[in-house]
Amino acid sequence: MFVPVILSGGSGTRLWPLSRKSHPKQFIDLLAGDTLFQETIKRLPKNSLDPIIVCNEQHRFLAAEQLRELGIDSTNIILEPEGRNTAPAITIAALRALKLHDDPIILVLSADHIISNKEGFKQSLQEAIKKAEEDKLVVFGVKPSRPETGYGYIHYGASLDSKKTFNVENFVEKPSVDLAVKYLSSGKYLWNSGIFMFKASKIISEIKKFHPEIYKNCLASCSEEIHDLDFIRLDSRNFLKNPNISIDYAVMERTVDAVVVELNSQWNDVGSWSGFWDALDKDKNNNILIGDILTRSVNRSLIRNSSKRTICVNNIEDIVIIDTPDALLVSSMESSQEVKEIVEILKNDGDERVNNHQKEYRPWGYFDSIDSGLGYKVKRIFVKPGSKLSLQKHSRRAEHWVVIKGIARVTCGKTEFDLRENESTFIPKGKLHRLENCTNDDLEIIEIQTGDYLGEDDIIRIEDDYDRHK
């Protein structure tokens, strides 16, 4: 048995417009089913111990809700005050694992990988467990299928007690095309998957050896942790002293105990839309089509439609089309890695579509931005049964609420009352207010905001069930 550690950070900007800062690729149903985060959990063997999740504060409710959808009520969701790469994150998780169990083996996984052969994956885990029990630090390698320049490589040496387990000669950075071709033809290199397995005590020992300051800072951060609902909040003052460094640089490239197990499965880190296309099964025309799509003479393309309109595509090939309710991406397959540069342009222009979707999820439900213009914004707000928004006020906007489904419990100043379907109320600027759903049915309202500033940061929370910052 082992403790899975799921690293759930990252923003996935190369998968824009579906992946955005507030709702990145690991928490989106890219496959029109479970999210990548949920798929990562579901591929684990049933006898593995409860997972430890490491994510940032902004995504904590996404992680908790998606675990609950899988029937997991985890109290091991660790919130990083700020991303410091994988070495501090893994150190924190290993310290947590040692606190919960007697020196367990931990399996470190990223939440945004696609691994197609679950049985082959489990077989590889069994190979790795044997080496981890011998105090080896295991990295999982993937047999290259092409001269990929976007991945790191592992140069491996002699095989050990398995045809799939080898000594590590050295790690290699993302290579040039010429070097990648040489690596592929040599048959002595594997892609570095970023998946690891080792005893918790062993990785802590190696961190102490090579980066004692990381161990010191993480230990101090854990010693002052605060438990809040499903979450573990680390002491930010100590955690932020950590360097921004990966576990590869910090330990794996320096230790004498590294071994590599070849992953007995197809693997893809879904780093771009072309990677997404490469990872999944295609139709007879080598297309991946998701959503309401009509094609004619289309080949080797990826088309994903999450809007309400039909996409009709005629006589093209090697193209990516990603449609969302508020943004459309059209790119050649070859250039899909460059989507990140488009996101940078939008970010520099202050475009909110870099950060937020039209539909934004919250722990109490979600809101859907319907329309906006000078001095106004219209939202459809959905509140789950038994949930409520924070007791709050706004300094620069007023709000009009109309109930379209269910019964709304409204607090406005010192007054509390219920609104039913087709009834409305007005929340003046600066007035303390709250929206609740006290029933067992869904609540939907239309909210019309008016004012000179309508940003999401114009909010002062007085009381909040979810301990969000004011």
Protein backbone atom coordinates (compact mmCIF):
# COMPACT_ATOMS: atom_id res chain seq x y z
CA MET A 1 0.00 0.00 0.00
CA PHE A 2 1.09 3.57 -0.55
CA VAL A 3 -0.08 7.14 -0.09
CA PRO A 4 -0.92 8.94 -3.34
CA VAL A 5 0.21 12.58 -3.44
CA ILE A 6 -1.64 14.54 -6.12
CA LEU A 7 0.04 17.79 -7.18
CA SER A 8 -2.76 20.00 -8.48
CA GLY A 9 -1.17 23.36 -9.20
CA GLY A 10 -0.61 24.99 -12.57
CA SER A 11 -2.76 27.13 -14.85
CA GLY A 12 -2.55 25.27 -18.18
CA THR A 13 -2.40 28.42 -20.30
CA ARG A 14 -1.62 26.46 -23.49
CA LEU A 15 -5.08 24.89 -23.25
CA TRP A 16 -6.86 28.25 -23.30
CA PRO A 17 -9.72 29.11 -23.79
CA LEU A 18 -10.99 26.01 -21.98
CA SER A 19 -8.33 26.21 -19.26
CA ARG A 20 -8.15 29.49 -17.35
CA LYS A 21 -6.45 30.70 -14.21
CA SER A 22 -9.52 30.33 -11.97
CA HIS A 23 -10.47 26.95 -13.47
CA PRO A 24 -7.37 25.28 -14.99
CA LYS A 25 -7.10 22.15 -17.11
CA GLN A 26 -6.82 19.62 -14.28
CA PHE A 27 -10.27 20.56 -12.96
CA ILE A 28 -12.05 20.74 -16.34
CA ASP A 29 -13.87 17.89 -18.06
CA LEU A 30 -11.57 17.99 -21.06
CA LEU A 31 -12.74 14.52 -22.01
CA ALA A 32 -16.45 15.43 -21.70
CA GLY A 33 -16.69 13.21 -18.62
CA ASP A 34 -14.55 13.16 -15.49
CA THR A 35 -11.89 15.83 -15.05
CA LEU A 36 -8.18 15.01 -15.32
CA PHE A 37 -7.96 15.42 -11.52
CA GLN A 38 -10.75 12.89 -11.04
CA GLU A 39 -9.23 10.51 -13.59
CA THR A 40 -5.96 10.67 -11.66
CA ILE A 41 -7.78 9.57 -8.50
CA LYS A 42 -9.81 6.87 -10.27
CA ARG A 43 -6.79 5.13 -11.82
CA LEU A 44 -5.28 4.46 -8.38
CA PRO A 45 -5.44 0.88 -7.04
CA LYS A 46 -8.30 0.38 -4.60
CA ASN A 47 -5.95 -0.65 -1.80
CA SER A 48 -4.03 2.64 -1.86
CA LEU A 49 -4.39 4.89 1.19
CA ASP A 50 -6.33 8.16 1.26
CA PRO A 51 -4.71 10.69 -1.08
CA ILE A 52 -2.93 13.87 -0.04
CA ILE A 53 -3.82 16.76 -2.35
CA VAL A 54 -1.54 19.77 -2.78
CA CYS A 55 -3.16 22.76 -4.48
CA ASN A 56 -3.41 26.53 -4.15
CA GLU A 57 -6.00 28.53 -2.27
CA GLN A 58 -7.88 29.63 -5.39
CA HIS A 59 -8.65 26.04 -6.45
CA ARG A 60 -9.38 24.52 -3.03
CA PHE A 61 -13.14 24.26 -3.43
CA LEU A 62 -12.78 22.76 -6.90
CA ALA A 63 -10.55 20.02 -5.46
CA ALA A 64 -12.84 19.36 -2.49
CA GLU A 65 -16.02 19.26 -4.59
CA GLN A 66 -14.52 16.96 -7.22
CA LEU A 67 -13.31 14.59 -4.51
CA ARG A 68 -16.81 14.54 -3.03
CA GLU A 69 -18.23 13.69 -6.45
CA LEU A 70 -16.05 10.56 -6.27
CA GLY A 71 -17.30 9.75 -2.76
CA ILE A 72 -14.08 10.93 -1.05
CA ASP A 73 -14.36 13.30 1.92
CA SER A 74 -10.71 14.21 2.25
CA THR A 75 -9.27 16.23 5.11
CA ASN A 76 -5.82 16.07 3.49
CA ILE A 77 -6.03 18.99 1.07
CA ILE A 78 -2.89 21.06 1.66
CA LEU A 79 -3.00 24.68 0.49
CA GLU A 80 0.24 26.20 -0.74
CA PRO A 81 0.39 29.94 0.07
CA GLU A 82 2.16 30.35 -3.28
CA GLY A 83 3.61 27.89 -5.77
CA ARG A 84 7.25 27.04 -5.11
CA ASN A 85 7.55 24.17 -7.62
CA THR A 86 7.60 20.46 -6.78
CA ALA A 87 10.46 20.14 -4.25
CA PRO A 88 8.73 22.11 -1.44
CA ALA A 89 5.33 20.63 -2.36
CA ILE A 90 6.61 17.06 -2.13
CA THR A 91 8.46 17.82 1.11
CA ILE A 92 5.26 19.15 2.67
CA ALA A 93 3.31 16.09 1.47
CA ALA A 94 5.98 13.68 2.78
CA LEU A 95 5.90 15.35 6.21
CA ARG A 96 2.10 15.00 6.22
CA ALA A 97 2.34 11.32 5.21
CA LEU A 98 4.80 10.64 8.05
CA LYS A 99 2.40 12.29 10.47
CA LEU A 100 -0.47 10.05 9.34
CA HIS A 101 1.35 6.73 8.80
CA ASP A 102 4.43 4.75 9.85
CA ASP A 103 6.93 5.69 7.12
CA PRO A 104 4.73 4.98 4.10
CA ILE A 105 5.73 4.79 0.46
CA ILE A 106 4.35 7.80 -1.39
CA LEU A 107 3.40 7.99 -5.05
CA VAL A 108 3.68 11.50 -6.49
CA LEU A 109 1.34 12.21 -9.41
CA SER A 110 0.44 15.31 -11.37
CA ALA A 111 -3.29 15.94 -11.66
CA ASP A 112 -3.15 16.79 -15.38
CA HIS A 113 -1.77 13.63 -17.01
CA ILE A 114 -3.61 11.20 -19.30
CA ILE A 115 -2.62 7.55 -18.75
CA SER A 116 -4.62 5.26 -20.97
CA ASN A 117 -3.75 1.72 -19.82
CA LYS A 118 -4.83 1.49 -16.18
CA GLU A 119 -3.80 -2.14 -15.77
CA GLY A 120 -0.37 -1.47 -17.25
CA PHE A 121 -0.05 1.51 -14.93
CA LYS A 122 -0.80 -0.68 -11.91
CA GLN A 123 1.80 -3.22 -13.03
CA SER A 124 4.40 -0.45 -13.20
CA LEU A 125 3.45 0.64 -9.68
CA GLN A 126 4.17 -2.86 -8.39
CA GLU A 127 7.64 -2.76 -9.99
CA ALA A 128 8.28 0.62 -8.38
CA ILE A 129 7.10 -0.46 -4.91
CA LYS A 130 9.80 -3.16 -4.85
CA LYS A 131 12.53 -0.58 -5.47
CA ALA A 132 11.05 1.99 -3.08
CA GLU A 133 11.10 -0.65 -0.33
CA GLU A 134 14.85 -0.93 -0.98
CA ASP A 135 15.23 2.82 -0.29
CA LYS A 136 15.48 3.74 -3.96
CA LEU A 137 13.98 6.91 -5.41
CA VAL A 138 11.92 5.88 -8.40
CA VAL A 139 11.07 8.06 -11.38
CA PHE A 140 8.72 6.70 -14.03
CA GLY A 141 9.94 6.96 -17.62
CA VAL A 142 7.97 6.74 -20.85
CA LYS A 143 9.29 5.11 -24.02
CA PRO A 144 9.52 7.91 -26.62
CA SER A 145 7.29 7.62 -29.67
CA ARG A 146 8.71 10.66 -31.47
CA PRO A 147 11.60 13.16 -31.15
CA GLU A 148 9.74 15.38 -28.67
CA THR A 149 11.44 18.64 -27.67
CA GLY A 150 8.90 19.57 -24.99
CA TYR A 151 9.84 16.87 -22.46
CA GLY A 152 12.86 16.18 -20.29
CA TYR A 153 14.65 12.86 -20.89
CA ILE A 154 16.21 10.19 -18.68
CA HIS A 155 19.35 8.42 -19.90
CA TYR A 156 19.17 4.95 -18.41
CA GLY A 157 21.83 2.29 -17.90
CA ALA A 158 21.86 -1.35 -16.87
CA SER A 159 18.61 -3.13 -16.15
CA LEU A 160 18.10 -4.28 -12.59
CA ASP A 161 15.93 -7.21 -11.49
CA SER A 162 13.31 -6.37 -14.09
CA LYS A 163 13.35 -5.65 -17.82
CA LYS A 164 11.40 -2.49 -17.00
CA THR A 165 13.65 -1.16 -14.20
CA PHE A 166 17.02 0.52 -14.81
CA ASN A 167 19.74 2.53 -13.17
CA VAL A 168 19.63 6.24 -14.00
CA GLU A 169 22.73 7.48 -15.79
CA ASN A 170 21.64 11.11 -15.93
CA PHE A 171 18.73 13.46 -16.53
CA VAL A 172 18.64 15.59 -19.68
CA GLU A 173 16.87 18.89 -20.20
CA LYS A 174 14.39 19.50 -23.02
CA PRO A 175 16.60 18.90 -26.09
CA SER A 176 16.91 20.42 -29.51
CA VAL A 177 15.28 18.58 -32.43
CA ASP A 178 18.63 17.07 -33.48
CA LEU A 179 19.36 15.77 -30.00
CA ALA A 180 15.81 14.44 -29.62
CA VAL A 181 16.27 12.46 -32.85
CA LYS A 182 19.54 11.00 -31.50
CA TYR A 183 17.90 10.08 -28.17
CA LEU A 184 15.07 8.33 -29.96
CA SER A 185 17.35 6.31 -32.27
CA SER A 186 19.72 5.28 -29.43
CA GLY A 187 17.01 3.41 -27.55
CA LYS A 188 18.65 4.44 -24.26
CA TYR A 189 16.44 7.37 -23.30
CA LEU A 190 12.98 7.67 -21.77
CA TRP A 191 10.76 10.70 -21.36
CA ASN A 192 10.62 11.99 -17.79
CA SER A 193 6.96 11.64 -16.79
CA GLY A 194 7.25 13.64 -13.55
CA ILE A 195 5.76 10.70 -11.62
CA PHE A 196 7.77 9.51 -8.59
CA MET A 197 7.68 6.89 -5.85
CA PHE A 198 9.77 6.63 -2.68
CA LYS A 199 9.53 6.17 1.06
CA ALA A 200 8.49 9.35 2.82
CA SER A 201 11.51 9.09 5.12
CA LYS A 202 13.88 8.58 2.17
CA ILE A 203 12.83 11.69 0.28
CA ILE A 204 12.96 13.72 3.49
CA SER A 205 16.49 12.40 4.12
CA GLU A 206 17.59 13.42 0.62
CA ILE A 207 15.99 16.86 0.93
CA LYS A 208 17.86 17.35 4.22
CA LYS A 209 21.11 16.36 2.49
CA PHE A 210 20.84 18.52 -0.62
CA HIS A 211 18.54 21.36 0.45
CA PRO A 212 18.38 21.59 4.25
CA GLU A 213 16.71 25.01 4.01
CA ILE A 214 13.69 23.45 2.25
CA TYR A 215 13.32 20.87 5.00
CA LYS A 216 13.66 23.54 7.70
CA ASN A 217 11.15 25.91 6.08
CA CYS A 218 8.60 23.19 5.34
CA LEU A 219 8.86 21.70 8.84
CA ALA A 220 8.31 25.14 10.36
CA SER A 221 5.41 25.80 7.99
CA CYS A 222 3.75 22.50 8.97
CA SER A 223 4.29 23.06 12.68
CA GLU A 224 2.09 26.18 12.49
CA GLU A 225 -0.53 24.78 10.09
CA ILE A 226 -4.21 25.56 10.61
CA HIS A 227 -7.02 23.10 9.87
CA ASP A 228 -9.96 24.81 8.16
CA LEU A 229 -12.93 22.73 6.91
CA ASP A 230 -11.41 20.22 4.43
CA PHE A 231 -8.17 22.16 4.18
CA ILE A 232 -4.75 22.43 5.80
CA ARG A 233 -3.39 25.97 5.65
CA LEU A 234 0.38 26.21 5.90
CA ASP A 235 2.22 29.02 7.63
CA SER A 236 2.98 31.31 4.71
CA ARG A 237 5.85 33.20 6.33
CA ASN A 238 8.03 30.08 6.52
CA PHE A 239 6.79 28.42 3.33
CA LEU A 240 7.58 31.45 1.17
CA LYS A 241 11.24 31.27 2.24
CA ASN A 242 11.57 28.16 0.04
CA PRO A 243 13.36 28.42 -3.31
CA ASN A 244 11.36 27.80 -6.48
CA ILE A 245 12.88 24.47 -7.48
CA SER A 246 11.69 21.14 -8.87
CA ILE A 247 12.28 17.79 -7.20
CA ASP A 248 14.32 16.83 -10.31
CA TYR A 249 16.85 19.63 -9.75
CA ALA A 250 16.74 19.49 -5.96
CA VAL A 251 17.17 15.73 -5.48
CA MET A 252 16.76 13.35 -8.42
CA GLU A 253 19.69 14.73 -10.45
CA ARG A 254 21.99 14.61 -7.42
CA THR A 255 21.10 11.42 -5.54
CA VAL A 256 22.96 8.12 -6.09
CA ASP A 257 19.78 6.17 -5.38
CA ALA A 258 17.68 7.10 -8.41
CA VAL A 259 16.21 4.33 -10.57
CA VAL A 260 13.77 4.52 -13.45
CA VAL A 261 10.79 2.23 -14.06
CA GLU A 262 9.46 2.26 -17.61
CA LEU A 263 5.76 3.08 -17.51
CA ASN A 264 3.80 0.22 -19.04
CA SER A 265 1.19 2.53 -20.49
CA GLN A 266 0.68 5.40 -22.88
CA TRP A 267 1.23 8.73 -21.16
CA ASN A 268 0.65 12.36 -22.04
CA ASP A 269 0.95 15.47 -19.89
CA VAL A 270 -1.59 17.31 -22.07
CA GLY A 271 0.66 20.36 -22.35
CA SER A 272 -0.99 21.63 -25.52
CA TRP A 273 -3.96 21.00 -27.80
CA SER A 274 -1.73 18.96 -30.12
CA GLY A 275 -0.74 16.87 -27.09
CA PHE A 276 -4.42 16.43 -26.26
CA TRP A 277 -5.07 15.28 -29.84
CA ASP A 278 -2.11 12.90 -29.66
CA ALA A 279 -3.29 11.30 -26.41
CA LEU A 280 -6.82 10.26 -27.39
CA ASP A 281 -8.46 7.86 -29.81
CA LYS A 282 -9.46 9.37 -33.15
CA ASP A 283 -12.22 8.60 -35.62
CA LYS A 284 -11.63 7.15 -39.10
CA ASN A 285 -10.47 10.56 -40.35
CA ASN A 286 -8.00 11.02 -37.48
CA ASN A 287 -10.26 13.63 -35.88
CA ILE A 288 -11.29 14.19 -32.27
CA LEU A 289 -14.74 15.78 -32.21
CA ILE A 290 -16.37 16.72 -28.91
CA GLY A 291 -19.73 18.49 -28.77
CA ASP A 292 -22.25 19.63 -31.37
CA ILE A 293 -20.13 19.51 -34.56
CA LEU A 294 -20.80 18.87 -38.25
CA THR A 295 -17.82 18.15 -40.49
CA ARG A 296 -17.22 17.61 -44.20
CA SER A 297 -13.80 16.66 -45.60
CA VAL A 298 -12.03 17.32 -42.29
CA ASN A 299 -8.89 15.36 -41.33
CA ARG A 300 -6.33 15.19 -38.49
CA SER A 301 -8.09 17.86 -36.48
CA LEU A 302 -9.30 18.56 -32.96
CA ILE A 303 -12.64 20.33 -32.60
CA ARG A 304 -14.23 20.84 -29.20
CA ASN A 305 -17.49 22.71 -28.75
CA SER A 306 -18.72 23.66 -25.27
CA SER A 307 -21.01 26.44 -26.50
CA LYS A 308 -24.69 26.13 -27.35
CA ARG A 309 -24.24 26.68 -31.08
CA THR A 310 -23.41 24.12 -33.76
CA ILE A 311 -19.95 24.23 -35.32
CA CYS A 312 -19.85 23.37 -39.04
CA VAL A 313 -16.39 22.76 -40.50
CA ASN A 314 -15.60 22.18 -44.18
CA ASN A 315 -12.53 20.98 -46.08
CA ILE A 316 -9.66 21.56 -43.64
CA GLU A 317 -6.95 19.48 -41.99
CA ASP A 318 -4.44 19.72 -39.14
CA ILE A 319 -6.42 22.39 -37.30
CA VAL A 320 -7.55 23.04 -33.74
CA ILE A 321 -10.91 24.68 -33.01
CA ILE A 322 -11.90 25.22 -29.38
CA ASP A 323 -15.20 27.03 -28.82
CA THR A 324 -16.47 28.26 -25.45
CA PRO A 325 -19.40 30.59 -24.67
CA ASP A 326 -17.14 33.67 -24.58
CA ALA A 327 -14.03 32.84 -26.63
CA LEU A 328 -13.11 30.91 -29.79
CA LEU A 329 -9.64 29.58 -30.63
CA VAL A 330 -8.67 28.58 -34.18
CA SER A 331 -5.08 27.40 -34.69
CA SER A 332 -3.02 25.11 -36.88
CA MET A 333 -2.20 21.89 -35.05
CA GLU A 334 1.52 22.55 -35.54
CA SER A 335 1.34 25.96 -33.83
CA SER A 336 -0.94 25.01 -30.94
CA GLN A 337 1.98 25.28 -28.49
CA GLU A 338 1.93 29.04 -29.21
CA VAL A 339 -1.48 29.53 -27.57
CA LYS A 340 0.45 30.56 -24.47
CA GLU A 341 1.69 33.62 -26.35
CA ILE A 342 -1.88 34.57 -27.25
CA VAL A 343 -2.78 34.36 -23.57
CA GLU A 344 0.11 36.70 -22.75
CA ILE A 345 -1.22 39.26 -25.24
CA LEU A 346 -4.70 39.07 -23.69
CA LYS A 347 -3.19 39.31 -20.22
CA ASN A 348 -1.24 42.43 -21.14
CA ASP A 349 -4.47 43.93 -22.50
CA GLY A 350 -6.18 43.29 -19.15
CA ASP A 351 -8.65 40.82 -20.68
CA GLU A 352 -10.48 38.97 -17.88
CA ARG A 353 -11.03 35.96 -20.14
CA VAL A 354 -7.48 34.93 -19.29
CA ASN A 355 -8.55 34.37 -15.70
CA ASN A 356 -12.27 33.62 -15.66
CA HIS A 357 -14.89 31.73 -17.59
CA GLN A 358 -18.34 33.05 -18.34
CA LYS A 359 -19.52 30.45 -15.82
CA GLU A 360 -17.61 30.65 -12.53
CA TYR A 361 -17.92 28.01 -9.81
CA ARG A 362 -18.08 28.80 -6.11
CA PRO A 363 -18.46 26.54 -3.04
CA TRP A 364 -22.16 27.50 -2.83
CA GLY A 365 -22.88 26.91 -6.55
CA TYR A 366 -21.99 29.05 -9.57
CA PHE A 367 -22.80 32.22 -11.50
CA ASP A 368 -23.07 32.69 -15.24
CA SER A 369 -22.24 36.14 -16.67
CA ILE A 370 -24.99 36.80 -19.23
CA ASP A 371 -24.32 40.36 -20.38
CA SER A 372 -22.39 43.48 -19.46
CA GLY A 373 -21.91 47.05 -20.63
CA LEU A 374 -21.08 50.51 -19.37
CA GLY A 375 -22.37 50.68 -15.79
CA TYR A 376 -24.16 47.32 -15.70
CA LYS A 377 -23.63 43.55 -15.53
CA VAL A 378 -26.19 40.72 -15.63
CA LYS A 379 -25.63 37.32 -13.99
CA ARG A 380 -27.59 34.12 -13.51
CA ILE A 381 -26.81 32.83 -10.02
CA PHE A 382 -27.35 29.19 -8.99
CA VAL A 383 -27.30 28.33 -5.26
CA LYS A 384 -27.18 24.69 -4.15
CA PRO A 385 -29.75 23.41 -1.60
CA GLY A 386 -28.76 24.37 1.94
CA SER A 387 -26.03 26.76 0.79
CA LYS A 388 -25.58 30.48 1.25
CA LEU A 389 -23.37 33.28 0.06
CA SER A 390 -21.34 35.35 2.48
CA LEU A 391 -22.81 38.20 4.49
CA GLN A 392 -21.31 41.05 2.49
CA LYS A 393 -21.56 44.54 1.07
CA HIS A 394 -20.28 46.43 -1.96
CA SER A 395 -18.91 49.95 -1.97
CA ARG A 396 -19.39 50.79 -5.66
CA ARG A 397 -22.41 48.87 -6.93
CA ALA A 398 -26.07 48.18 -6.22
CA GLU A 399 -27.86 44.93 -7.11
CA HIS A 400 -31.34 43.95 -8.29
CA TRP A 401 -32.39 40.30 -7.68
CA VAL A 402 -35.21 38.44 -9.47
CA VAL A 403 -36.00 34.85 -8.46
CA ILE A 404 -36.59 32.59 -11.46
CA LYS A 405 -36.59 29.24 -9.63
CA GLY A 406 -36.91 28.21 -5.98
CA ILE A 407 -37.17 30.28 -2.81
CA ALA A 408 -34.52 32.82 -1.81
CA ARG A 409 -33.90 33.80 1.81
CA VAL A 410 -32.69 37.40 1.63
CA THR A 411 -30.93 39.46 4.28
CA CYS A 412 -30.86 43.19 3.52
CA GLY A 413 -29.61 45.34 6.37
CA LYS A 414 -31.51 44.26 9.49
CA THR A 415 -34.41 42.78 7.50
CA GLU A 416 -34.77 39.11 6.53
CA PHE A 417 -37.44 37.82 4.13
CA ASP A 418 -38.21 35.17 1.49
CA LEU A 419 -38.57 35.76 -2.23
CA ARG A 420 -40.42 33.32 -4.49
CA GLU A 421 -40.47 32.89 -8.26
CA ASN A 422 -41.07 36.13 -10.20
CA GLU A 423 -40.53 38.24 -7.06
CA SER A 424 -37.67 40.74 -6.84
CA THR A 425 -35.75 43.00 -4.47
CA PHE A 426 -33.18 45.80 -4.55
CA ILE A 427 -29.87 45.81 -2.64
CA PRO A 428 -28.58 49.41 -2.31
CA LYS A 429 -24.90 50.23 -2.59
CA GLY A 430 -23.13 49.79 0.77
CA LYS A 431 -26.00 47.76 2.29
CA LEU A 432 -25.13 44.59 4.21
CA HIS A 433 -26.82 41.62 2.50
CA ARG A 434 -26.87 37.86 2.04
CA LEU A 435 -28.53 35.31 -0.30
CA GLU A 436 -29.46 31.86 1.05
CA ASN A 437 -31.14 28.71 -0.18
CA CYS A 438 -32.77 27.16 2.88
CA THR A 439 -34.71 24.58 0.86
CA ASN A 440 -33.93 21.16 -0.60
CA ASP A 441 -34.44 22.46 -4.13
CA ASP A 442 -32.22 24.48 -6.45
CA LEU A 443 -32.33 28.26 -6.34
CA GLU A 444 -31.74 30.43 -9.40
CA ILE A 445 -31.88 34.19 -9.56
CA ILE A 446 -31.07 36.89 -12.09
CA GLU A 447 -28.79 39.56 -10.63
CA ILE A 448 -28.45 42.95 -12.31
CA GLN A 449 -25.50 44.99 -11.03
CA THR A 450 -25.32 48.74 -11.57
CA GLY A 451 -22.52 51.12 -10.62
CA ASP A 452 -19.28 52.74 -11.70
CA TYR A 453 -17.19 49.62 -10.93
CA LEU A 454 -18.41 46.01 -11.23
CA GLY A 455 -15.27 43.94 -10.52
CA GLU A 456 -15.42 40.78 -8.42
CA ASP A 457 -13.02 42.36 -5.92
CA ASP A 458 -15.59 44.98 -4.85
CA ILE A 459 -16.75 42.86 -1.93
CA ILE A 460 -16.37 43.15 1.83
CA ARG A 461 -17.22 39.87 3.56
CA ILE A 462 -18.44 40.09 7.15
CA GLU A 463 -19.34 36.41 7.66
CA ASP A 464 -18.49 33.47 5.41
CA ASP A 465 -19.03 29.71 5.81
CA TYR A 466 -16.00 29.04 3.63
CA ASP A 467 -13.48 31.30 5.36
CA ARG A 468 -12.70 33.30 2.23
CA HIS A 469 -10.67 36.45 2.61
CA LYS A 470 -12.40 39.82 2.63
